[in-house]
Amino acid sequence: MIVKIHNSYRNIVSICDEDLLGEKFEEGKKQLDVRESFFRGDNLSEKEVKDIIESQDKEDATFNIVGENSINIALEYGIIKEECIKKVEDIPFALVFL
């Protein structure tokens, strides 16, 4: 998975499945753009992603999560629930504002 932390007054953590980086999905009026300029970061292991989620969750960060693997880790950690997941062209994504 690819993770990038955008440092701001409140960190924004972007997490996406590696194979989705740079892709754009459209379904009717809905659009999901996994832009490299926003998501391009470090390619991390599942454990490293979990560690970042845990540490950034404590820091009151927001999360932008795209892709099956990334969503599953967020579900496992508990920062999202099934009902928070949306899809565009069967690609799951979630936004978390804690």
PDB file of N, CA and C in Angstrom:
ATOM      1  N   MET A   1       0.830  -1.167   0.000  1.00  0.00           N
ATOM      2  CA  MET A   1       0.000   0.000   0.000  1.00  0.00           C
ATOM      3  C   MET A   1       0.884   1.244   0.000  1.00  0.00           C
ATOM      4  N   ILE A   2       0.328   2.293  -0.529  1.00  0.00           N
ATOM      5  CA  ILE A   2       1.038   3.563  -0.609  1.00  0.00           C
ATOM      6  C   ILE A   2       0.450   4.511   0.438  1.00  0.00           C
ATOM      7  N   VAL A   3       1.320   5.134   1.220  1.00  0.00           N
ATOM      8  CA  VAL A   3       0.872   6.053   2.264  1.00  0.00           C
ATOM      9  C   VAL A   3       1.628   7.370   2.137  1.00  0.00           C
ATOM     10  N   LYS A   4       0.886   8.455   2.238  1.00  0.00           N
ATOM     11  CA  LYS A   4       1.491   9.786   2.265  1.00  0.00           C
ATOM     12  C   LYS A   4       0.793  10.592   3.350  1.00  0.00           C
ATOM     13  N   ILE A   5       1.586  11.274   4.149  1.00  0.00           N
ATOM     14  CA  ILE A   5       1.030  12.135   5.192  1.00  0.00           C
ATOM     15  C   ILE A   5       1.251  13.576   4.768  1.00  0.00           C
ATOM     16  N   HIS A   6       0.146  14.293   4.620  1.00  0.00           N
ATOM     17  CA  HIS A   6       0.178  15.707   4.283  1.00  0.00           C
ATOM     18  C   HIS A   6       0.130  16.474   5.603  1.00  0.00           C
ATOM     19  N   ASN A   7       1.229  17.160   5.909  1.00  0.00           N
ATOM     20  CA  ASN A   7       1.298  17.897   7.173  1.00  0.00           C
ATOM     21  C   ASN A   7       0.572  19.222   7.053  1.00  0.00           C
ATOM     22  N   SER A   8      -0.338  19.438   7.967  1.00  0.00           N
ATOM     23  CA  SER A   8      -1.152  20.643   7.998  1.00  0.00           C
ATOM     24  C   SER A   8      -1.542  20.876   9.449  1.00  0.00           C
ATOM     25  N   TYR A   9      -2.449  21.831   9.701  1.00  0.00           N
ATOM     26  CA  TYR A   9      -2.895  22.022  11.074  1.00  0.00           C
ATOM     27  C   TYR A   9      -3.518  20.738  11.602  1.00  0.00           C
ATOM     28  N   ARG A  10      -4.030  19.925  10.702  1.00  0.00           N
ATOM     29  CA  ARG A  10      -4.548  18.588  10.995  1.00  0.00           C
ATOM     30  C   ARG A  10      -4.048  17.690   9.869  1.00  0.00           C
ATOM     31  N   ASN A  11      -3.202  16.729  10.206  1.00  0.00           N
ATOM     32  CA  ASN A  11      -2.612  15.878   9.173  1.00  0.00           C
ATOM     33  C   ASN A  11      -3.684  15.169   8.352  1.00  0.00           C
ATOM     34  N   ILE A  12      -3.395  15.020   7.071  1.00  0.00           N
ATOM     35  CA  ILE A  12      -4.243  14.260   6.169  1.00  0.00           C
ATOM     36  C   ILE A  12      -3.428  13.052   5.735  1.00  0.00           C
ATOM     37  N   VAL A  13      -3.941  11.871   6.006  1.00  0.00           N
ATOM     38  CA  VAL A  13      -3.244  10.635   5.669  1.00  0.00           C
ATOM     39  C   VAL A  13      -3.927  10.009   4.461  1.00  0.00           C
ATOM     40  N   SER A  14      -3.194   9.894   3.368  1.00  0.00           N
ATOM     41  CA  SER A  14      -3.735   9.239   2.172  1.00  0.00           C
ATOM     42  C   SER A  14      -3.162   7.828   2.105  1.00  0.00           C
ATOM     43  N   ILE A  15      -4.060   6.861   1.925  1.00  0.00           N
ATOM     44  CA  ILE A  15      -3.674   5.455   1.845  1.00  0.00           C
ATOM     45  C   ILE A  15      -4.383   4.853   0.630  1.00  0.00           C
ATOM     46  N   CYS A  16      -3.611   4.204  -0.236  1.00  0.00           N
ATOM     47  CA  CYS A  16      -4.251   3.557  -1.387  1.00  0.00           C
ATOM     48  C   CYS A  16      -3.511   2.281  -1.754  1.00  0.00           C
ATOM     49  N   ASP A  17      -4.235   1.386  -2.406  1.00  0.00           N
ATOM     50  CA  ASP A  17      -3.624   0.186  -2.950  1.00  0.00           C
ATOM     51  C   ASP A  17      -2.689   0.604  -4.080  1.00  0.00           C
ATOM     52  N   GLU A  18      -1.532  -0.005  -4.114  1.00  0.00           N
ATOM     53  CA  GLU A  18      -0.498   0.378  -5.074  1.00  0.00           C
ATOM     54  C   GLU A  18      -0.976   0.324  -6.522  1.00  0.00           C
ATOM     55  N   ASP A  19      -1.777  -0.673  -6.876  1.00  0.00           N
ATOM     56  CA  ASP A  19      -2.209  -0.837  -8.265  1.00  0.00           C
ATOM     57  C   ASP A  19      -3.224   0.222  -8.719  1.00  0.00           C
ATOM     58  N   LEU A  20      -3.734   1.025  -7.788  1.00  0.00           N
ATOM     59  CA  LEU A  20      -4.717   2.060  -8.144  1.00  0.00           C
ATOM     60  C   LEU A  20      -4.092   3.442  -8.325  1.00  0.00           C
ATOM     61  N   LEU A  21      -2.838   3.583  -7.927  1.00  0.00           N
ATOM     62  CA  LEU A  21      -2.166   4.870  -7.995  1.00  0.00           C
ATOM     63  C   LEU A  21      -2.156   5.408  -9.425  1.00  0.00           C
ATOM     64  N   GLY A  22      -2.620   6.628  -9.596  1.00  0.00           N
ATOM     65  CA  GLY A  22      -2.658   7.271 -10.903  1.00  0.00           C
ATOM     66  C   GLY A  22      -3.888   6.963 -11.731  1.00  0.00           C
ATOM     67  N   GLU A  23      -4.779   6.132 -11.209  1.00  0.00           N
ATOM     68  CA  GLU A  23      -5.987   5.741 -11.945  1.00  0.00           C
ATOM     69  C   GLU A  23      -7.143   6.712 -11.669  1.00  0.00           C
ATOM     70  N   LYS A  24      -8.088   6.733 -12.586  1.00  0.00           N
ATOM     71  CA  LYS A  24      -9.288   7.566 -12.451  1.00  0.00           C
ATOM     72  C   LYS A  24     -10.493   6.700 -12.784  1.00  0.00           C
ATOM     73  N   PHE A  25     -11.512   6.765 -11.934  1.00  0.00           N
ATOM     74  CA  PHE A  25     -12.705   5.948 -12.104  1.00  0.00           C
ATOM     75  C   PHE A  25     -13.922   6.854 -12.156  1.00  0.00           C
ATOM     76  N   GLU A  26     -14.858   6.518 -13.051  1.00  0.00           N
ATOM     77  CA  GLU A  26     -16.076   7.312 -13.201  1.00  0.00           C
ATOM     78  C   GLU A  26     -17.280   6.398 -13.281  1.00  0.00           C
ATOM     79  N   GLU A  27     -18.343   6.838 -12.649  1.00  0.00           N
ATOM     80  CA  GLU A  27     -19.609   6.098 -12.667  1.00  0.00           C
ATOM     81  C   GLU A  27     -20.729   7.125 -12.580  1.00  0.00           C
ATOM     82  N   GLY A  28     -21.330   7.425 -13.717  1.00  0.00           N
ATOM     83  CA  GLY A  28     -22.337   8.483 -13.739  1.00  0.00           C
ATOM     84  C   GLY A  28     -21.684   9.808 -13.376  1.00  0.00           C
ATOM     85  N   LYS A  29     -22.233  10.486 -12.369  1.00  0.00           N
ATOM     86  CA  LYS A  29     -21.677  11.765 -11.925  1.00  0.00           C
ATOM     87  C   LYS A  29     -20.558  11.591 -10.896  1.00  0.00           C
ATOM     88  N   LYS A  30     -20.390  10.365 -10.417  1.00  0.00           N
ATOM     89  CA  LYS A  30     -19.360  10.116  -9.402  1.00  0.00           C
ATOM     90  C   LYS A  30     -18.004   9.900 -10.066  1.00  0.00           C
ATOM     91  N   GLN A  31     -16.969  10.429  -9.413  1.00  0.00           N
ATOM     92  CA  GLN A  31     -15.626  10.330  -9.946  1.00  0.00           C
ATOM     93  C   GLN A  31     -14.659  10.077  -8.787  1.00  0.00           C
ATOM     94  N   LEU A  32     -13.722   9.175  -8.998  1.00  0.00           N
ATOM     95  CA  LEU A  32     -12.691   8.861  -8.017  1.00  0.00           C
ATOM     96  C   LEU A  32     -11.353   8.970  -8.725  1.00  0.00           C
ATOM     97  N   ASP A  33     -10.567   9.959  -8.329  1.00  0.00           N
ATOM     98  CA  ASP A  33      -9.292  10.241  -8.979  1.00  0.00           C
ATOM     99  C   ASP A  33      -8.170   9.968  -7.972  1.00  0.00           C
ATOM    100  N   VAL A  34      -7.411   8.908  -8.198  1.00  0.00           N
ATOM    101  CA  VAL A  34      -6.331   8.522  -7.285  1.00  0.00           C
ATOM    102  C   VAL A  34      -5.045   9.174  -7.812  1.00  0.00           C
ATOM    103  N   ARG A  35      -5.003  10.486  -7.679  1.00  0.00           N
ATOM    104  CA  ARG A  35      -3.905  11.283  -8.239  1.00  0.00           C
ATOM    105  C   ARG A  35      -2.577  11.003  -7.558  1.00  0.00           C
ATOM    106  N   GLU A  36      -1.571  10.870  -8.392  1.00  0.00           N
ATOM    107  CA  GLU A  36      -0.230  10.654  -7.853  1.00  0.00           C
ATOM    108  C   GLU A  36       0.216  11.833  -7.001  1.00  0.00           C
ATOM    109  N   SER A  37      -0.171  13.036  -7.369  1.00  0.00           N
ATOM    110  CA  SER A  37       0.252  14.215  -6.603  1.00  0.00           C
ATOM    111  C   SER A  37      -0.287  14.199  -5.173  1.00  0.00           C
ATOM    112  N   PHE A  38      -1.389  13.526  -4.944  1.00  0.00           N
ATOM    113  CA  PHE A  38      -1.967  13.443  -3.603  1.00  0.00           C
ATOM    114  C   PHE A  38      -1.586  12.146  -2.899  1.00  0.00           C
ATOM    115  N   PHE A  39      -1.603  11.028  -3.601  1.00  0.00           N
ATOM    116  CA  PHE A  39      -1.403   9.723  -2.982  1.00  0.00           C
ATOM    117  C   PHE A  39       0.033   9.204  -3.038  1.00  0.00           C
ATOM    118  N   ARG A  40       0.868   9.701  -3.946  1.00  0.00           N
ATOM    119  CA  ARG A  40       2.234   9.167  -4.091  1.00  0.00           C
ATOM    120  C   ARG A  40       3.018   9.409  -2.808  1.00  0.00           C
ATOM    121  N   GLY A  41       3.413   8.316  -2.184  1.00  0.00           N
ATOM    122  CA  GLY A  41       4.179   8.385  -0.942  1.00  0.00           C
ATOM    123  C   GLY A  41       5.048   7.157  -0.826  1.00  0.00           C
ATOM    124  N   ASP A  42       5.094   6.606   0.367  1.00  0.00           N
ATOM    125  CA  ASP A  42       5.924   5.437   0.633  1.00  0.00           C
ATOM    126  C   ASP A  42       5.132   4.153   0.443  1.00  0.00           C
ATOM    127  N   ASN A  43       5.780   3.159  -0.149  1.00  0.00           N
ATOM    128  CA  ASN A  43       5.190   1.836  -0.307  1.00  0.00           C
ATOM    129  C   ASN A  43       5.484   1.073   0.981  1.00  0.00           C
ATOM    130  N   LEU A  44       4.448   0.793   1.772  1.00  0.00           N
ATOM    131  CA  LEU A  44       4.628   0.230   3.102  1.00  0.00           C
ATOM    132  C   LEU A  44       3.961  -1.138   3.258  1.00  0.00           C
ATOM    133  N   SER A  45       4.453  -1.886   4.216  1.00  0.00           N
ATOM    134  CA  SER A  45       3.863  -3.185   4.554  1.00  0.00           C
ATOM    135  C   SER A  45       2.558  -2.965   5.320  1.00  0.00           C
ATOM    136  N   GLU A  46       1.796  -4.035   5.441  1.00  0.00           N
ATOM    137  CA  GLU A  46       0.533  -3.968   6.184  1.00  0.00           C
ATOM    138  C   GLU A  46       0.773  -3.521   7.628  1.00  0.00           C
ATOM    139  N   LYS A  47       1.806  -4.041   8.265  1.00  0.00           N
ATOM    140  CA  LYS A  47       2.114  -3.659   9.648  1.00  0.00           C
ATOM    141  C   LYS A  47       2.475  -2.179   9.744  1.00  0.00           C
ATOM    142  N   GLU A  48       3.258  -1.699   8.797  1.00  0.00           N
ATOM    143  CA  GLU A  48       3.645  -0.284   8.807  1.00  0.00           C
ATOM    144  C   GLU A  48       2.417   0.616   8.619  1.00  0.00           C
ATOM    145  N   VAL A  49       1.510   0.206   7.749  1.00  0.00           N
ATOM    146  CA  VAL A  49       0.280   0.980   7.534  1.00  0.00           C
ATOM    147  C   VAL A  49      -0.549   1.004   8.812  1.00  0.00           C
ATOM    148  N   LYS A  50      -0.687  -0.139   9.469  1.00  0.00           N
ATOM    149  CA  LYS A  50      -1.428  -0.202  10.733  1.00  0.00           C
ATOM    150  C   LYS A  50      -0.794   0.711  11.779  1.00  0.00           C
ATOM    151  N   ASP A  51       0.542   0.719  11.855  1.00  0.00           N
ATOM    152  CA  ASP A  51       1.244   1.577  12.821  1.00  0.00           C
ATOM    153  C   ASP A  51       0.971   3.054  12.539  1.00  0.00           C
ATOM    154  N   ILE A  52       0.963   3.430  11.262  1.00  0.00           N
ATOM    155  CA  ILE A  52       0.678   4.824  10.903  1.00  0.00           C
ATOM    156  C   ILE A  52      -0.763   5.178  11.247  1.00  0.00           C
ATOM    157  N   ILE A  53      -1.693   4.290  10.929  1.00  0.00           N
ATOM    158  CA  ILE A  53      -3.099   4.550  11.266  1.00  0.00           C
ATOM    159  C   ILE A  53      -3.231   4.766  12.775  1.00  0.00           C
ATOM    160  N   GLU A  54      -2.609   3.888  13.548  1.00  0.00           N
ATOM    161  CA  GLU A  54      -2.697   4.007  15.007  1.00  0.00           C
ATOM    162  C   GLU A  54      -2.110   5.324  15.502  1.00  0.00           C
ATOM    163  N   SER A  55      -0.931   5.675  15.034  1.00  0.00           N
ATOM    164  CA  SER A  55      -0.292   6.907  15.514  1.00  0.00           C
ATOM    165  C   SER A  55      -1.037   8.153  15.044  1.00  0.00           C
ATOM    166  N   GLN A  56      -1.506   8.159  13.798  1.00  0.00           N
ATOM    167  CA  GLN A  56      -2.209   9.331  13.279  1.00  0.00           C
ATOM    168  C   GLN A  56      -3.620   9.448  13.840  1.00  0.00           C
ATOM    169  N   ASP A  57      -4.228   8.325  14.177  1.00  0.00           N
ATOM    170  CA  ASP A  57      -5.544   8.344  14.824  1.00  0.00           C
ATOM    171  C   ASP A  57      -5.449   9.093  16.151  1.00  0.00           C
ATOM    172  N   LYS A  58      -4.365   8.890  16.873  1.00  0.00           N
ATOM    173  CA  LYS A  58      -4.145   9.567  18.157  1.00  0.00           C
ATOM    174  C   LYS A  58      -3.898  11.059  17.973  1.00  0.00           C
ATOM    175  N   GLU A  59      -3.444  11.444  16.775  1.00  0.00           N
ATOM    176  CA  GLU A  59      -3.135  12.844  16.484  1.00  0.00           C
ATOM    177  C   GLU A  59      -4.317  13.595  15.873  1.00  0.00           C
ATOM    178  N   ASP A  60      -5.474  12.947  15.811  1.00  0.00           N
ATOM    179  CA  ASP A  60      -6.678  13.588  15.277  1.00  0.00           C
ATOM    180  C   ASP A  60      -6.561  13.905  13.780  1.00  0.00           C
ATOM    181  N   ALA A  61      -5.905  13.014  13.046  1.00  0.00           N
ATOM    182  CA  ALA A  61      -5.728  13.197  11.605  1.00  0.00           C
ATOM    183  C   ALA A  61      -7.009  12.833  10.861  1.00  0.00           C
ATOM    184  N   THR A  62      -7.071  13.251   9.608  1.00  0.00           N
ATOM    185  CA  THR A  62      -8.130  12.795   8.720  1.00  0.00           C
ATOM    186  C   THR A  62      -7.512  11.779   7.758  1.00  0.00           C
ATOM    187  N   PHE A  63      -8.336  10.899   7.204  1.00  0.00           N
ATOM    188  CA  PHE A  63      -7.846   9.828   6.353  1.00  0.00           C
ATOM    189  C   PHE A  63      -8.620   9.801   5.042  1.00  0.00           C
ATOM    190  N   ASN A  64      -7.904   9.550   3.967  1.00  0.00           N
ATOM    191  CA  ASN A  64      -8.475   9.372   2.645  1.00  0.00           C
ATOM    192  C   ASN A  64      -7.975   8.009   2.169  1.00  0.00           C
ATOM    193  N   ILE A  65      -8.867   7.022   2.102  1.00  0.00           N
ATOM    194  CA  ILE A  65      -8.479   5.627   1.906  1.00  0.00           C
ATOM    195  C   ILE A  65      -9.137   5.071   0.644  1.00  0.00           C
ATOM    196  N   VAL A  66      -8.329   4.450  -0.234  1.00  0.00           N
ATOM    197  CA  VAL A  66      -8.844   3.921  -1.490  1.00  0.00           C
ATOM    198  C   VAL A  66      -8.277   2.528  -1.751  1.00  0.00           C
ATOM    199  N   GLY A  67      -9.169   1.594  -2.106  1.00  0.00           N
ATOM    200  CA  GLY A  67      -8.740   0.261  -2.506  1.00  0.00           C
ATOM    201  C   GLY A  67      -9.109  -0.800  -1.487  1.00  0.00           C
ATOM    202  N   GLU A  68      -9.290  -2.000  -1.991  1.00  0.00           N
ATOM    203  CA  GLU A  68      -9.750  -3.129  -1.175  1.00  0.00           C
ATOM    204  C   GLU A  68      -8.832  -3.414   0.011  1.00  0.00           C
ATOM    205  N   ASN A  69      -7.528  -3.533  -0.241  1.00  0.00           N
ATOM    206  CA  ASN A  69      -6.592  -3.836   0.841  1.00  0.00           C
ATOM    207  C   ASN A  69      -6.527  -2.720   1.881  1.00  0.00           C
ATOM    208  N   SER A  70      -6.468  -1.495   1.409  1.00  0.00           N
ATOM    209  CA  SER A  70      -6.397  -0.343   2.313  1.00  0.00           C
ATOM    210  C   SER A  70      -7.666  -0.228   3.155  1.00  0.00           C
ATOM    211  N   ILE A  71      -8.803  -0.420   2.527  1.00  0.00           N
ATOM    212  CA  ILE A  71     -10.082  -0.376   3.239  1.00  0.00           C
ATOM    213  C   ILE A  71     -10.148  -1.479   4.288  1.00  0.00           C
ATOM    214  N   ASN A  72      -9.687  -2.678   3.942  1.00  0.00           N
ATOM    215  CA  ASN A  72      -9.717  -3.793   4.896  1.00  0.00           C
ATOM    216  C   ASN A  72      -8.877  -3.505   6.140  1.00  0.00           C
ATOM    217  N   ILE A  73      -7.735  -2.877   5.969  1.00  0.00           N
ATOM    218  CA  ILE A  73      -6.908  -2.528   7.123  1.00  0.00           C
ATOM    219  C   ILE A  73      -7.614  -1.480   7.978  1.00  0.00           C
ATOM    220  N   ALA A  74      -8.236  -0.498   7.352  1.00  0.00           N
ATOM    221  CA  ALA A  74      -8.962   0.527   8.103  1.00  0.00           C
ATOM    222  C   ALA A  74     -10.145  -0.078   8.858  1.00  0.00           C
ATOM    223  N   LEU A  75     -10.826  -1.034   8.240  1.00  0.00           N
ATOM    224  CA  LEU A  75     -11.916  -1.740   8.922  1.00  0.00           C
ATOM    225  C   LEU A  75     -11.384  -2.536  10.111  1.00  0.00           C
ATOM    226  N   GLU A  76     -10.289  -3.230   9.891  1.00  0.00           N
ATOM    227  CA  GLU A  76      -9.686  -4.042  10.945  1.00  0.00           C
ATOM    228  C   GLU A  76      -9.275  -3.181  12.138  1.00  0.00           C
ATOM    229  N   TYR A  77      -8.694  -2.022  11.851  1.00  0.00           N
ATOM    230  CA  TYR A  77      -8.271  -1.125  12.921  1.00  0.00           C
ATOM    231  C   TYR A  77      -9.462  -0.445  13.590  1.00  0.00           C
ATOM    232  N   GLY A  78     -10.548  -0.295  12.846  1.00  0.00           N
ATOM    233  CA  GLY A  78     -11.761   0.284  13.412  1.00  0.00           C
ATOM    234  C   GLY A  78     -11.944   1.777  13.189  1.00  0.00           C
ATOM    235  N   ILE A  79     -11.191   2.352  12.245  1.00  0.00           N
ATOM    236  CA  ILE A  79     -11.409   3.783  11.991  1.00  0.00           C
ATOM    237  C   ILE A  79     -12.543   4.027  11.011  1.00  0.00           C
ATOM    238  N   ILE A  80     -12.998   2.960  10.333  1.00  0.00           N
ATOM    239  CA  ILE A  80     -14.192   3.066   9.493  1.00  0.00           C
ATOM    240  C   ILE A  80     -15.107   1.883   9.783  1.00  0.00           C
ATOM    241  N   LYS A  81     -16.365   2.053   9.380  1.00  0.00           N
ATOM    242  CA  LYS A  81     -17.355   0.981   9.460  1.00  0.00           C
ATOM    243  C   LYS A  81     -17.837   0.701   8.039  1.00  0.00           C
ATOM    244  N   GLU A  82     -18.407  -0.490   7.853  1.00  0.00           N
ATOM    245  CA  GLU A  82     -18.887  -0.895   6.525  1.00  0.00           C
ATOM    246  C   GLU A  82     -19.784   0.160   5.879  1.00  0.00           C
ATOM    247  N   GLU A  83     -20.657   0.774   6.671  1.00  0.00           N
ATOM    248  CA  GLU A  83     -21.608   1.737   6.107  1.00  0.00           C
ATOM    249  C   GLU A  83     -20.948   3.032   5.643  1.00  0.00           C
ATOM    250  N   CYS A  84     -19.674   3.237   5.985  1.00  0.00           N
ATOM    251  CA  CYS A  84     -18.949   4.440   5.564  1.00  0.00           C
ATOM    252  C   CYS A  84     -18.271   4.268   4.207  1.00  0.00           C
ATOM    253  N   ILE A  85     -18.247   3.045   3.715  1.00  0.00           N
ATOM    254  CA  ILE A  85     -17.532   2.750   2.470  1.00  0.00           C
ATOM    255  C   ILE A  85     -18.428   3.041   1.267  1.00  0.00           C
ATOM    256  N   LYS A  86     -17.897   3.797   0.346  1.00  0.00           N
ATOM    257  CA  LYS A  86     -18.571   4.090  -0.923  1.00  0.00           C
ATOM    258  C   LYS A  86     -17.784   3.407  -2.027  1.00  0.00           C
ATOM    259  N   LYS A  87     -18.387   3.298  -3.209  1.00  0.00           N
ATOM    260  CA  LYS A  87     -17.704   2.675  -4.342  1.00  0.00           C
ATOM    261  C   LYS A  87     -17.956   3.459  -5.624  1.00  0.00           C
ATOM    262  N   VAL A  88     -16.936   3.481  -6.459  1.00  0.00           N
ATOM    263  CA  VAL A  88     -17.033   3.979  -7.825  1.00  0.00           C
ATOM    264  C   VAL A  88     -16.391   2.900  -8.685  1.00  0.00           C
ATOM    265  N   GLU A  89     -17.121   2.396  -9.653  1.00  0.00           N
ATOM    266  CA  GLU A  89     -16.663   1.282 -10.503  1.00  0.00           C
ATOM    267  C   GLU A  89     -16.132   0.121  -9.646  1.00  0.00           C
ATOM    268  N   ASP A  90     -16.829  -0.178  -8.584  1.00  0.00           N
ATOM    269  CA  ASP A  90     -16.470  -1.260  -7.658  1.00  0.00           C
ATOM    270  C   ASP A  90     -15.158  -1.030  -6.909  1.00  0.00           C
ATOM    271  N   ILE A  91     -14.624   0.163  -6.945  1.00  0.00           N
ATOM    272  CA  ILE A  91     -13.425   0.506  -6.173  1.00  0.00           C
ATOM    273  C   ILE A  91     -13.893   1.150  -4.868  1.00  0.00           C
ATOM    274  N   PRO A  92     -13.607   0.518  -3.725  1.00  0.00           N
ATOM    275  CA  PRO A  92     -14.053   1.077  -2.449  1.00  0.00           C
ATOM    276  C   PRO A  92     -13.163   2.237  -1.986  1.00  0.00           C
ATOM    277  N   PHE A  93     -13.806   3.205  -1.326  1.00  0.00           N
ATOM    278  CA  PHE A  93     -13.056   4.320  -0.746  1.00  0.00           C
ATOM    279  C   PHE A  93     -13.814   4.823   0.477  1.00  0.00           C
ATOM    280  N   ALA A  94     -13.091   5.514   1.341  1.00  0.00           N
ATOM    281  CA  ALA A  94     -13.698   6.095   2.530  1.00  0.00           C
ATOM    282  C   ALA A  94     -12.923   7.324   2.944  1.00  0.00           C
ATOM    283  N   LEU A  95     -13.651   8.276   3.474  1.00  0.00           N
ATOM    284  CA  LEU A  95     -13.054   9.476   4.060  1.00  0.00           C
ATOM    285  C   LEU A  95     -13.338   9.448   5.550  1.00  0.00           C
ATOM    286  N   VAL A  96     -12.328   9.755   6.341  1.00  0.00           N
ATOM    287  CA  VAL A  96     -12.490   9.725   7.791  1.00  0.00           C
ATOM    288  C   VAL A  96     -12.132  11.081   8.352  1.00  0.00           C
ATOM    289  N   PHE A  97     -13.085  11.690   9.022  1.00  0.00           N
ATOM    290  CA  PHE A  97     -12.865  12.943   9.718  1.00  0.00           C
ATOM    291  C   PHE A  97     -13.117  12.682  11.187  1.00  0.00           C
ATOM    292  N   LEU A  98     -12.052  12.575  11.953  1.00  0.00           N
ATOM    293  CA  LEU A  98     -12.195  12.237  13.373  1.00  0.00           C
ATOM    294  C   LEU A  98     -12.389  13.475  14.201  1.00  0.00           C
TER     295      LEU A  98
END
